Amino acid sequence: MTSAFLSLSALLTASVLAAPVAGAAPQDGGPAAVPAGWERVEGSEPARIAGSDGRDRASAAAGRSATDLSASAQDDDSGTFALKSVRNGKFTAAEKNYASPNTGVLRARSTVVTGGWEGFAFEWHEATRTYALKSLANNRYVAVERNYTGTSQNVLRARSTGTGTWERFTLYYNEGADRWALQSALNGRFVAMENSYTGSLQYVLRARSLDVTGSWEQFELYEIEG
């Protein structure tokens, strides 16, 4: 297993990967194929892998109390995690104070894990072999907003009290790169971080990529222990 920190050469390699077209509306079509070099992760494997990497509460939360971070997490075998974008090096937060229709939208904008805003319970669903992500900020499940239009289409938003196809994701891990990727069960697209967006949706997470093309779709996973 590789270290939680990439070498300088690896960072330079990642920086020259082709970037998706910023602001492009997602296209309808069949589900994306499993990306080369990636493997599907299931059950409690995220906690085992993330833990073996040393990506624990101390690394991600800068000394915050584990109790503070996981108080609203539902007990399950999958674990509670913080999701850090490889593209901009920021942790994903659920914007629970945003006004409708973007209440609970997910943005990679935090430099540290400050509390429940950046925490997500990964709940494994055996029947569909997918995960649901539950925000610790508002106790809502993350959904893909397929019916939104324009550049907001397919944004991720913590807004659901239950789970269905909209709220389910397949999780992939690349051992060689020590990176994670999320694929929406709703549209088969991989989640990308919109680094080039401006305004209130800058750094928003959106299920719109056909493949894992580079750092836009890649994340680090930090386990929040409690």
Protein backbone atom coordinates (compact mmCIF):
# COMPACT_ATOMS: atom_id res chain seq x y z
CA MET A 1 0.00 0.00 0.00
CA THR A 2 1.38 3.40 -0.88
CA SER A 3 1.82 6.28 1.52
CA ALA A 4 -0.86 8.89 2.05
CA PHE A 5 1.54 11.38 0.49
CA LEU A 6 2.57 11.25 -3.17
CA SER A 7 6.14 11.76 -4.31
CA LEU A 8 7.00 14.93 -6.22
CA SER A 9 7.25 13.00 -9.47
CA ALA A 10 3.80 11.50 -8.94
CA LEU A 11 2.33 14.92 -8.28
CA LEU A 12 3.86 16.29 -11.47
CA THR A 13 2.46 13.35 -13.43
CA ALA A 14 -1.02 13.91 -12.02
CA SER A 15 -0.93 17.60 -12.87
CA VAL A 16 -0.49 17.04 -16.60
CA LEU A 17 -3.44 14.66 -16.99
CA ALA A 18 -6.09 15.87 -19.39
CA ALA A 19 -8.80 17.90 -17.69
CA PRO A 20 -12.49 17.53 -18.53
CA VAL A 21 -14.24 20.44 -20.21
CA ALA A 22 -15.27 22.78 -17.42
CA GLY A 23 -18.94 23.68 -17.42
CA ALA A 24 -19.92 21.11 -20.04
CA ALA A 25 -23.40 19.70 -19.48
CA PRO A 26 -23.43 15.91 -18.99
CA GLN A 27 -24.62 13.77 -21.86
CA ASP A 28 -27.10 10.92 -21.53
CA GLY A 29 -25.95 7.46 -22.41
CA GLY A 30 -25.05 4.06 -21.00
CA PRO A 31 -23.19 3.56 -17.74
CA ALA A 32 -19.47 4.15 -17.70
CA ALA A 33 -17.19 1.13 -17.76
CA VAL A 34 -14.92 0.19 -14.86
CA PRO A 35 -11.85 2.41 -15.30
CA ALA A 36 -8.56 0.68 -16.10
CA GLY A 37 -6.40 0.14 -13.04
CA TRP A 38 -9.30 0.52 -10.60
CA GLU A 39 -11.11 -2.10 -8.54
CA ARG A 40 -14.55 -2.09 -7.00
CA VAL A 41 -14.63 -1.73 -3.22
CA GLU A 42 -17.41 -3.28 -1.13
CA GLY A 43 -18.63 -3.68 2.43
CA SER A 44 -16.21 -2.64 5.15
CA GLU A 45 -13.19 -2.51 2.82
CA PRO A 46 -12.98 1.34 2.76
CA ALA A 47 -12.21 1.41 6.51
CA ARG A 48 -9.58 -1.31 6.15
CA ILE A 49 -7.84 0.34 3.20
CA ALA A 50 -8.06 3.92 4.48
CA GLY A 51 -6.85 2.80 7.90
CA SER A 52 -3.86 0.95 6.47
CA ASP A 53 -2.87 4.15 4.65
CA GLY A 54 -2.72 6.06 7.91
CA ARG A 55 -5.45 8.42 6.73
CA ASP A 56 -7.07 8.69 10.14
CA ARG A 57 -8.77 11.32 12.22
CA ALA A 58 -5.50 12.94 13.31
CA SER A 59 -4.38 13.51 9.72
CA ALA A 60 -7.67 14.85 8.46
CA ALA A 61 -9.20 16.64 11.40
CA ALA A 62 -6.20 18.49 12.81
CA GLY A 63 -6.89 17.35 16.35
CA ARG A 64 -10.67 17.69 16.48
CA SER A 65 -12.49 15.32 18.80
CA ALA A 66 -13.66 12.09 17.20
CA THR A 67 -16.83 12.35 19.25
CA ASP A 68 -17.57 15.77 17.77
CA LEU A 69 -17.20 14.45 14.25
CA SER A 70 -19.11 11.20 14.48
CA ALA A 71 -21.91 11.97 16.94
CA SER A 72 -24.64 11.80 14.28
CA ALA A 73 -23.17 8.97 12.24
CA GLN A 74 -25.29 5.85 11.88
CA ASP A 75 -23.57 2.68 13.11
CA ASP A 76 -22.75 0.34 10.25
CA ASP A 77 -19.87 -1.74 8.92
CA SER A 78 -18.75 0.75 6.31
CA GLY A 79 -17.38 3.64 8.34
CA THR A 80 -17.37 7.42 8.49
CA PHE A 81 -15.02 9.37 6.25
CA ALA A 82 -13.85 12.72 4.98
CA LEU A 83 -13.47 13.03 1.20
CA LYS A 84 -10.56 15.13 -0.07
CA SER A 85 -10.33 16.24 -3.71
CA VAL A 86 -7.01 15.45 -5.38
CA ARG A 87 -7.64 18.31 -7.82
CA ASN A 88 -7.56 21.17 -5.30
CA GLY A 89 -6.50 19.47 -2.07
CA LYS A 90 -9.68 20.49 -0.23
CA PHE A 91 -12.11 18.43 1.85
CA THR A 92 -15.72 18.06 0.71
CA ALA A 93 -18.33 19.90 2.78
CA ALA A 94 -22.13 19.80 2.68
CA GLU A 95 -23.43 23.37 2.37
CA LYS A 96 -26.41 22.96 4.67
CA ASN A 97 -26.87 26.75 4.98
CA TYR A 98 -27.18 27.35 1.24
CA ALA A 99 -30.56 28.58 0.06
CA SER A 100 -32.88 26.41 -2.04
CA PRO A 101 -32.42 24.84 -4.58
CA ASN A 102 -28.76 24.29 -3.60
CA THR A 103 -29.27 23.48 0.09
CA GLY A 104 -26.84 20.73 1.05
CA VAL A 105 -24.78 20.86 -2.14
CA LEU A 106 -21.36 19.19 -1.83
CA ARG A 107 -18.28 21.37 -2.42
CA ALA A 108 -14.57 20.59 -2.01
CA ARG A 109 -13.73 23.81 -0.17
CA SER A 110 -12.43 23.05 3.36
CA THR A 111 -8.73 23.05 4.22
CA VAL A 112 -9.32 20.88 7.31
CA VAL A 113 -12.11 18.76 8.75
CA THR A 114 -13.73 21.21 11.18
CA GLY A 115 -16.73 19.09 12.16
CA GLY A 116 -19.78 17.40 10.70
CA TRP A 117 -19.73 19.58 7.57
CA GLU A 118 -16.93 17.42 6.13
CA GLY A 119 -18.01 14.05 7.54
CA PHE A 120 -19.96 11.36 5.67
CA ALA A 121 -21.18 7.97 6.84
CA PHE A 122 -20.71 5.38 4.09
CA GLU A 123 -23.58 2.90 4.42
CA TRP A 124 -23.22 -0.35 2.51
CA HIS A 125 -26.31 -1.80 0.80
CA GLU A 126 -25.83 -5.51 0.19
CA ALA A 127 -28.71 -5.98 -2.28
CA THR A 128 -27.44 -3.35 -4.74
CA ARG A 129 -23.76 -3.64 -3.71
CA THR A 130 -23.54 0.13 -3.49
CA TYR A 131 -22.94 2.78 -0.83
CA ALA A 132 -25.16 5.59 0.36
CA LEU A 133 -23.38 8.67 1.73
CA LYS A 134 -25.00 10.33 4.73
CA SER A 135 -23.87 13.83 5.66
CA LEU A 136 -23.07 14.45 9.32
CA ALA A 137 -23.88 18.13 8.76
CA ASN A 138 -27.63 17.67 8.26
CA ASN A 139 -28.19 13.90 8.59
CA ARG A 140 -29.34 13.70 4.96
CA TYR A 141 -28.29 11.31 2.21
CA VAL A 142 -26.38 12.58 -0.81
CA ALA A 143 -28.38 12.50 -4.05
CA VAL A 144 -27.47 13.15 -7.68
CA GLU A 145 -29.72 15.91 -9.03
CA ARG A 146 -30.38 14.52 -12.50
CA ASN A 147 -33.35 16.86 -13.08
CA TYR A 148 -31.35 20.02 -12.55
CA THR A 149 -30.47 21.84 -15.78
CA GLY A 150 -27.36 23.40 -17.29
CA THR A 151 -24.10 23.28 -15.35
CA SER A 152 -26.04 22.33 -12.20
CA GLN A 153 -27.26 19.08 -13.70
CA ASN A 154 -26.15 16.02 -11.71
CA VAL A 155 -24.68 18.00 -8.78
CA LEU A 156 -24.39 16.08 -5.51
CA ARG A 157 -26.62 17.34 -2.72
CA ALA A 158 -27.21 16.08 0.84
CA ARG A 159 -31.00 16.40 0.88
CA SER A 160 -32.69 12.96 1.09
CA THR A 161 -34.20 11.29 4.15
CA GLY A 162 -34.17 7.87 2.46
CA THR A 163 -32.17 6.05 -0.18
CA GLY A 164 -32.87 4.89 -3.72
CA THR A 165 -30.98 4.88 -6.99
CA TRP A 166 -30.47 8.66 -6.78
CA GLU A 167 -28.54 8.20 -3.53
CA ARG A 168 -26.42 5.16 -4.39
CA PHE A 169 -22.79 5.05 -5.51
CA THR A 170 -20.22 2.46 -6.52
CA LEU A 171 -16.84 3.04 -4.90
CA TYR A 172 -13.55 2.30 -6.68
CA TYR A 173 -9.97 2.20 -5.43
CA ASN A 174 -6.71 2.45 -7.39
CA GLU A 175 -3.98 0.82 -5.32
CA GLY A 176 -1.15 2.03 -7.53
CA ALA A 177 -2.21 5.68 -7.27
CA ASP A 178 -3.72 5.28 -3.77
CA ARG A 179 -6.83 7.12 -4.93
CA TRP A 180 -10.65 6.69 -4.78
CA ALA A 181 -13.46 7.35 -7.26
CA LEU A 182 -17.26 7.44 -6.98
CA GLN A 183 -19.69 6.33 -9.71
CA SER A 184 -23.37 7.27 -9.54
CA ALA A 185 -25.83 4.38 -9.75
CA LEU A 186 -28.36 6.80 -11.25
CA ASN A 187 -26.55 7.82 -14.43
CA GLY A 188 -23.39 5.68 -14.43
CA ARG A 189 -21.16 8.77 -14.38
CA PHE A 190 -18.11 9.36 -12.22
CA VAL A 191 -18.11 12.19 -9.70
CA ALA A 192 -15.89 15.14 -10.65
CA MET A 193 -14.93 18.26 -8.71
CA GLU A 194 -15.71 21.39 -10.77
CA ASN A 195 -12.54 23.35 -10.07
CA SER A 196 -13.17 25.87 -12.88
CA TYR A 197 -16.67 26.86 -11.82
CA THR A 198 -17.16 30.30 -10.31
CA GLY A 199 -19.52 31.68 -7.69
CA SER A 200 -21.40 29.63 -5.11
CA LEU A 201 -20.96 26.36 -7.05
CA GLN A 202 -17.19 26.59 -7.38
CA TYR A 203 -15.65 23.22 -6.40
CA VAL A 204 -19.07 21.53 -6.53
CA LEU A 205 -19.13 17.73 -6.92
CA ARG A 206 -21.02 16.55 -10.00
CA ALA A 207 -21.65 13.09 -11.49
CA ARG A 208 -20.76 13.86 -15.11
CA SER A 209 -17.57 12.04 -16.27
CA LEU A 210 -17.54 8.96 -18.48
CA ASP A 211 -14.20 7.84 -17.08
CA VAL A 212 -11.63 8.73 -14.46
CA THR A 213 -9.57 11.06 -16.63
CA GLY A 214 -7.35 12.49 -13.91
CA SER A 215 -7.39 14.43 -10.66
CA TRP A 216 -10.87 15.87 -11.34
CA GLU A 217 -12.44 12.51 -10.48
CA GLN A 218 -9.93 11.34 -7.89
CA PHE A 219 -10.26 11.65 -4.11
CA GLU A 220 -8.41 10.72 -0.94
CA LEU A 221 -10.45 9.01 1.75
CA TYR A 222 -9.75 9.75 5.45
CA GLU A 223 -11.39 7.63 8.10
CA ILE A 224 -13.01 9.50 10.99
CA GLU A 225 -12.56 7.27 14.01
CA GLY A 226 -14.91 7.27 16.93
